[in-house]
Amino acid sequence: QVQLVESGGGLVQAGGSLRLSCVVSGSIFSINAMGWYRQAPGKQRELVAAIRSGRTNYAESVKGRFTISRDNGKNTVSLQMNSLKPEDTAVYYCNVQTVTRAYNDMNYWGKGTLVTVSS
């Protein structure tokens, strides 16, 4: 099985910064993509940032403020969040898309870490 463990959430004032990290462990043949999603109360889960084959993409709302990075050697993906706004408040989820030796696509989620931005 594959496990994702997130860390780095917390309470921060508007304008502040946080860094989220996600460590992926377990039986992994190959990782296709890693990313972060978030879900605010009463809203659907949305993509924040993802990295695939070295290319990154971001939600419009976080462009220029958030940076996603991946450490291939440690199977870790991080999200540096700067200039945080109250509307960034949400539970942030790590996501990993892998392929098995049998070439089956798999999708894994972490349990989420809460980010609260106070005004």
N, C-alpha and C. Protein backbone atom coordinates (compact mmCIF):
# COMPACT_ATOMS: atom_id res chain seq x y z
N GLN A 1 0.82 -1.19 0.00
CA GLN A 1 0.00 0.00 0.00
C GLN A 1 0.86 1.25 0.00
N VAL A 2 0.26 2.34 -0.40
CA VAL A 2 0.95 3.63 -0.45
C VAL A 2 0.38 4.53 0.63
N GLN A 3 1.26 5.18 1.36
CA GLN A 3 0.83 6.10 2.42
C GLN A 3 1.33 7.50 2.11
N LEU A 4 0.49 8.48 2.39
CA LEU A 4 0.85 9.88 2.25
C LEU A 4 0.69 10.56 3.59
N VAL A 5 1.72 11.21 4.05
CA VAL A 5 1.68 11.89 5.34
C VAL A 5 2.00 13.35 5.13
N GLU A 6 1.02 14.20 5.44
CA GLU A 6 1.17 15.64 5.27
C GLU A 6 1.59 16.28 6.58
N SER A 7 2.26 17.40 6.46
CA SER A 7 2.63 18.18 7.64
C SER A 7 2.75 19.64 7.23
N GLY A 8 2.72 20.51 8.23
CA GLY A 8 2.99 21.92 7.99
C GLY A 8 1.80 22.85 8.06
N GLY A 9 0.61 22.32 8.24
CA GLY A 9 -0.54 23.20 8.35
C GLY A 9 -0.54 23.93 9.67
N GLY A 10 -1.46 24.88 9.80
CA GLY A 10 -1.55 25.62 11.05
C GLY A 10 -2.28 26.93 10.88
N LEU A 11 -2.14 27.77 11.87
CA LEU A 11 -2.79 29.08 11.90
C LEU A 11 -1.75 30.15 11.60
N VAL A 12 -2.09 31.04 10.68
CA VAL A 12 -1.18 32.12 10.32
C VAL A 12 -1.99 33.36 10.02
N GLN A 13 -1.39 34.51 10.24
CA GLN A 13 -2.06 35.77 9.93
C GLN A 13 -1.98 36.06 8.43
N ALA A 14 -2.92 36.82 7.95
CA ALA A 14 -2.90 37.23 6.54
C ALA A 14 -1.56 37.89 6.22
N GLY A 15 -1.03 37.53 5.06
CA GLY A 15 0.28 38.03 4.65
C GLY A 15 1.42 37.12 5.06
N GLY A 16 1.14 36.16 5.89
CA GLY A 16 2.18 35.27 6.36
C GLY A 16 2.44 34.11 5.40
N SER A 17 3.30 33.20 5.85
CA SER A 17 3.71 32.07 5.01
C SER A 17 3.61 30.76 5.79
N LEU A 18 3.39 29.70 5.03
CA LEU A 18 3.44 28.35 5.55
C LEU A 18 4.03 27.45 4.48
N ARG A 19 4.61 26.35 4.93
CA ARG A 19 5.14 25.37 4.00
C ARG A 19 4.55 24.02 4.33
N LEU A 20 3.86 23.44 3.37
CA LEU A 20 3.30 22.10 3.53
C LEU A 20 4.23 21.08 2.89
N SER A 21 4.32 19.94 3.53
CA SER A 21 5.12 18.85 2.98
C SER A 21 4.31 17.56 3.01
N CYS A 22 4.61 16.70 2.06
CA CYS A 22 3.93 15.41 1.97
C CYS A 22 4.97 14.35 1.62
N VAL A 23 5.07 13.37 2.49
CA VAL A 23 6.00 12.26 2.26
C VAL A 23 5.21 11.05 1.80
N VAL A 24 5.64 10.50 0.70
CA VAL A 24 4.97 9.33 0.12
C VAL A 24 5.82 8.10 0.37
N SER A 25 5.21 7.05 0.91
CA SER A 25 5.94 5.82 1.17
C SER A 25 5.11 4.62 0.76
N GLY A 26 5.77 3.47 0.70
CA GLY A 26 5.07 2.25 0.35
C GLY A 26 5.54 1.69 -0.97
N SER A 27 4.73 0.83 -1.50
CA SER A 27 5.09 0.14 -2.73
C SER A 27 4.75 1.01 -3.93
N ILE A 28 5.78 1.66 -4.46
CA ILE A 28 5.59 2.58 -5.58
C ILE A 28 6.46 2.14 -6.74
N PHE A 29 5.86 1.94 -7.89
CA PHE A 29 6.63 1.60 -9.08
C PHE A 29 7.08 2.86 -9.78
N SER A 30 6.13 3.76 -10.02
CA SER A 30 6.46 5.02 -10.68
C SER A 30 5.42 6.07 -10.34
N ILE A 31 5.88 7.28 -10.11
CA ILE A 31 4.97 8.40 -9.82
C ILE A 31 4.81 9.24 -11.07
N ASN A 32 3.56 9.44 -11.48
CA ASN A 32 3.29 10.27 -12.65
C ASN A 32 3.15 11.74 -12.28
N ALA A 33 2.48 11.99 -11.18
CA ALA A 33 2.22 13.38 -10.81
C ALA A 33 2.02 13.47 -9.30
N MET A 34 2.33 14.65 -8.77
CA MET A 34 2.10 14.94 -7.36
C MET A 34 1.47 16.31 -7.28
N GLY A 35 0.62 16.49 -6.30
CA GLY A 35 -0.04 17.78 -6.22
C GLY A 35 -0.71 18.03 -4.90
N TRP A 36 -1.27 19.23 -4.81
CA TRP A 36 -2.01 19.65 -3.62
C TRP A 36 -3.38 20.15 -4.05
N TYR A 37 -4.37 19.72 -3.31
CA TYR A 37 -5.73 20.18 -3.48
C TYR A 37 -6.18 20.80 -2.16
N ARG A 38 -7.27 21.54 -2.20
CA ARG A 38 -7.82 22.09 -0.96
C ARG A 38 -9.34 22.08 -1.02
N GLN A 39 -9.89 22.04 0.17
CA GLN A 39 -11.34 22.08 0.29
C GLN A 39 -11.72 22.98 1.44
N ALA A 40 -12.40 24.06 1.10
CA ALA A 40 -12.88 25.00 2.11
C ALA A 40 -14.28 24.56 2.55
N PRO A 41 -14.72 24.98 3.73
CA PRO A 41 -16.05 24.60 4.20
C PRO A 41 -17.13 24.98 3.20
N GLY A 42 -17.97 24.00 2.88
CA GLY A 42 -19.08 24.25 1.98
C GLY A 42 -18.71 24.33 0.51
N LYS A 43 -17.45 24.05 0.19
CA LYS A 43 -17.01 24.14 -1.20
C LYS A 43 -16.45 22.80 -1.66
N GLN A 44 -16.34 22.66 -2.98
CA GLN A 44 -15.78 21.45 -3.53
C GLN A 44 -14.25 21.48 -3.44
N ARG A 45 -13.69 20.29 -3.45
CA ARG A 45 -12.24 20.20 -3.46
C ARG A 45 -11.72 20.73 -4.80
N GLU A 46 -10.65 21.52 -4.73
CA GLU A 46 -10.11 22.12 -5.94
C GLU A 46 -8.59 21.94 -6.01
N LEU A 47 -8.09 21.89 -7.23
CA LEU A 47 -6.65 21.79 -7.43
C LEU A 47 -5.99 23.11 -7.04
N VAL A 48 -4.91 23.01 -6.27
CA VAL A 48 -4.11 24.18 -5.93
C VAL A 48 -2.87 24.24 -6.82
N ALA A 49 -2.14 23.13 -6.85
CA ALA A 49 -0.91 23.09 -7.64
C ALA A 49 -0.55 21.64 -7.90
N ALA A 50 0.08 21.40 -9.03
CA ALA A 50 0.50 20.05 -9.36
C ALA A 50 1.80 20.10 -10.15
N ILE A 51 2.53 18.99 -10.09
CA ILE A 51 3.77 18.88 -10.84
C ILE A 51 3.81 17.52 -11.52
N ARG A 52 4.08 17.55 -12.81
CA ARG A 52 4.10 16.34 -13.63
C ARG A 52 5.22 16.49 -14.66
N SER A 53 6.11 15.52 -14.67
CA SER A 53 7.24 15.54 -15.61
C SER A 53 7.98 16.87 -15.57
N GLY A 54 8.11 17.38 -14.37
CA GLY A 54 8.84 18.63 -14.19
C GLY A 54 8.05 19.88 -14.48
N ARG A 55 6.87 19.73 -15.01
CA ARG A 55 6.05 20.90 -15.32
C ARG A 55 5.06 21.13 -14.18
N THR A 56 4.83 22.40 -13.89
CA THR A 56 3.92 22.76 -12.81
C THR A 56 2.70 23.50 -13.35
N ASN A 57 1.60 23.36 -12.64
CA ASN A 57 0.45 24.19 -12.94
C ASN A 57 -0.21 24.60 -11.64
N TYR A 58 -0.80 25.76 -11.65
CA TYR A 58 -1.36 26.37 -10.45
C TYR A 58 -2.77 26.87 -10.71
N ALA A 59 -3.55 26.88 -9.65
CA ALA A 59 -4.83 27.58 -9.71
C ALA A 59 -4.55 29.06 -9.89
N GLU A 60 -5.42 29.73 -10.62
CA GLU A 60 -5.23 31.16 -10.86
C GLU A 60 -5.14 31.94 -9.56
N SER A 61 -5.88 31.51 -8.58
CA SER A 61 -5.97 32.25 -7.31
C SER A 61 -4.68 32.20 -6.50
N VAL A 62 -3.77 31.28 -6.84
CA VAL A 62 -2.54 31.16 -6.05
C VAL A 62 -1.29 31.47 -6.86
N LYS A 63 -1.44 31.71 -8.13
CA LYS A 63 -0.28 32.00 -8.98
C LYS A 63 0.49 33.20 -8.44
N GLY A 64 1.80 33.06 -8.38
CA GLY A 64 2.65 34.13 -7.88
C GLY A 64 2.80 34.13 -6.37
N ARG A 65 2.00 33.33 -5.68
CA ARG A 65 2.09 33.28 -4.22
C ARG A 65 2.53 31.90 -3.72
N PHE A 66 2.11 30.86 -4.41
CA PHE A 66 2.44 29.49 -3.99
C PHE A 66 3.45 28.88 -4.96
N THR A 67 4.29 28.01 -4.42
CA THR A 67 5.26 27.30 -5.25
C THR A 67 5.29 25.83 -4.85
N ILE A 68 5.09 24.97 -5.83
CA ILE A 68 5.15 23.53 -5.58
C ILE A 68 6.52 23.01 -6.00
N SER A 69 7.02 22.07 -5.22
CA SER A 69 8.31 21.47 -5.55
C SER A 69 8.30 20.00 -5.18
N ARG A 70 9.17 19.25 -5.82
CA ARG A 70 9.21 17.80 -5.61
C ARG A 70 10.66 17.37 -5.41
N ASP A 71 10.84 16.51 -4.45
CA ASP A 71 12.14 15.88 -4.21
C ASP A 71 12.00 14.43 -4.61
N ASN A 72 12.49 14.11 -5.80
CA ASN A 72 12.30 12.75 -6.31
C ASN A 72 12.98 11.70 -5.45
N GLY A 73 14.14 12.03 -4.94
CA GLY A 73 14.88 11.06 -4.16
C GLY A 73 14.18 10.68 -2.87
N LYS A 74 13.39 11.60 -2.35
CA LYS A 74 12.72 11.35 -1.07
C LYS A 74 11.22 11.15 -1.25
N ASN A 75 10.75 11.12 -2.50
CA ASN A 75 9.29 11.00 -2.75
C ASN A 75 8.51 11.99 -1.90
N THR A 76 8.94 13.21 -1.96
CA THR A 76 8.30 14.27 -1.18
C THR A 76 7.84 15.40 -2.11
N VAL A 77 6.68 15.93 -1.80
CA VAL A 77 6.20 17.11 -2.51
C VAL A 77 5.87 18.18 -1.48
N SER A 78 6.28 19.40 -1.78
CA SER A 78 6.08 20.51 -0.85
C SER A 78 5.31 21.64 -1.52
N LEU A 79 4.68 22.44 -0.70
CA LEU A 79 3.96 23.61 -1.19
C LEU A 79 4.34 24.79 -0.32
N GLN A 80 5.08 25.71 -0.88
CA GLN A 80 5.43 26.94 -0.18
C GLN A 80 4.33 27.95 -0.45
N MET A 81 3.72 28.43 0.61
CA MET A 81 2.60 29.36 0.48
C MET A 81 2.97 30.69 1.10
N ASN A 82 3.05 31.71 0.29
CA ASN A 82 3.38 33.05 0.75
C ASN A 82 2.20 34.00 0.54
N SER A 83 2.27 35.12 1.20
CA SER A 83 1.21 36.15 1.07
C SER A 83 -0.17 35.53 1.24
N LEU A 84 -0.31 34.75 2.28
CA LEU A 84 -1.57 34.04 2.49
C LEU A 84 -2.71 35.00 2.76
N LYS A 85 -3.88 34.58 2.28
CA LYS A 85 -5.09 35.38 2.43
C LYS A 85 -6.13 34.56 3.20
N PRO A 86 -7.08 35.23 3.84
CA PRO A 86 -8.12 34.48 4.55
C PRO A 86 -8.85 33.48 3.65
N GLU A 87 -8.98 33.80 2.38
CA GLU A 87 -9.67 32.88 1.46
C GLU A 87 -8.84 31.63 1.13
N ASP A 88 -7.60 31.58 1.59
CA ASP A 88 -6.80 30.37 1.44
C ASP A 88 -7.11 29.35 2.53
N THR A 89 -7.91 29.75 3.50
CA THR A 89 -8.27 28.86 4.58
C THR A 89 -9.00 27.63 4.03
N ALA A 90 -8.48 26.45 4.36
CA ALA A 90 -9.04 25.21 3.84
C ALA A 90 -8.26 24.03 4.42
N VAL A 91 -8.78 22.85 4.20
CA VAL A 91 -8.01 21.64 4.43
C VAL A 91 -7.26 21.33 3.13
N TYR A 92 -5.98 21.17 3.25
CA TYR A 92 -5.13 20.91 2.09
C TYR A 92 -4.78 19.43 2.03
N TYR A 93 -4.97 18.85 0.86
CA TYR A 93 -4.74 17.42 0.66
C TYR A 93 -3.62 17.18 -0.34
N CYS A 94 -2.75 16.27 0.03
CA CYS A 94 -1.70 15.82 -0.89
C CYS A 94 -2.29 14.74 -1.80
N ASN A 95 -1.89 14.78 -3.05
CA ASN A 95 -2.37 13.79 -4.03
C ASN A 95 -1.19 13.24 -4.84
N VAL A 96 -1.20 11.94 -5.03
CA VAL A 96 -0.15 11.31 -5.83
C VAL A 96 -0.82 10.37 -6.85
N GLN A 97 -0.37 10.49 -8.07
CA GLN A 97 -0.85 9.60 -9.13
C GLN A 97 0.31 8.71 -9.55
N THR A 98 0.10 7.43 -9.45
CA THR A 98 1.17 6.48 -9.76
C THR A 98 0.74 5.50 -10.86
N VAL A 99 1.71 4.76 -11.33
CA VAL A 99 1.42 3.66 -12.25
C VAL A 99 2.07 2.42 -11.67
N THR A 100 1.37 1.31 -11.74
CA THR A 100 1.89 0.06 -11.20
C THR A 100 2.73 -0.65 -12.26
N ARG A 101 3.36 -1.73 -11.85
CA ARG A 101 4.14 -2.53 -12.78
C ARG A 101 3.27 -3.09 -13.91
N ALA A 102 1.99 -3.26 -13.61
CA ALA A 102 1.04 -3.75 -14.61
C ALA A 102 0.44 -2.59 -15.41
N TYR A 103 1.01 -1.41 -15.26
CA TYR A 103 0.58 -0.22 -15.99
C TYR A 103 -0.84 0.21 -15.66
N ASN A 104 -1.22 -0.02 -14.40
CA ASN A 104 -2.51 0.48 -13.93
C ASN A 104 -2.30 1.83 -13.25
N ASP A 105 -3.17 2.79 -13.55
CA ASP A 105 -3.09 4.10 -12.93
C ASP A 105 -3.75 4.05 -11.55
N MET A 106 -3.05 4.62 -10.57
CA MET A 106 -3.56 4.65 -9.20
C MET A 106 -3.57 6.09 -8.72
N ASN A 107 -4.48 6.39 -7.81
CA ASN A 107 -4.64 7.75 -7.29
C ASN A 107 -4.74 7.67 -5.77
N TYR A 108 -3.87 8.36 -5.08
CA TYR A 108 -3.83 8.31 -3.62
C TYR A 108 -3.97 9.70 -3.03
N TRP A 109 -4.58 9.72 -1.83
CA TRP A 109 -4.81 10.98 -1.12
C TRP A 109 -4.28 10.89 0.30
N GLY A 110 -3.79 12.02 0.78
CA GLY A 110 -3.46 12.12 2.19
C GLY A 110 -4.72 12.43 2.98
N LYS A 111 -4.57 12.48 4.31
CA LYS A 111 -5.73 12.72 5.17
C LYS A 111 -6.06 14.21 5.29
N GLY A 112 -5.14 15.04 4.86
CA GLY A 112 -5.40 16.47 4.88
C GLY A 112 -4.76 17.17 6.06
N THR A 113 -4.41 18.43 5.85
CA THR A 113 -3.88 19.26 6.92
C THR A 113 -4.57 20.63 6.83
N LEU A 114 -4.98 21.13 7.97
CA LEU A 114 -5.77 22.35 8.02
C LEU A 114 -4.87 23.58 7.99
N VAL A 115 -5.21 24.49 7.10
CA VAL A 115 -4.56 25.79 7.04
C VAL A 115 -5.62 26.85 7.33
N THR A 116 -5.35 27.65 8.34
CA THR A 116 -6.27 28.72 8.72
C THR A 116 -5.53 30.05 8.64
N VAL A 117 -6.09 30.97 7.87
CA VAL A 117 -5.48 32.29 7.71
C VAL A 117 -6.42 33.31 8.34
N SER A 118 -5.94 33.98 9.36
CA SER A 118 -6.76 34.97 10.04
C SER A 118 -6.54 36.36 9.44
N SER A 119 -7.58 37.15 9.48
CA SER A 119 -7.51 38.51 8.89
C SER A 119 -7.02 39.52 9.91
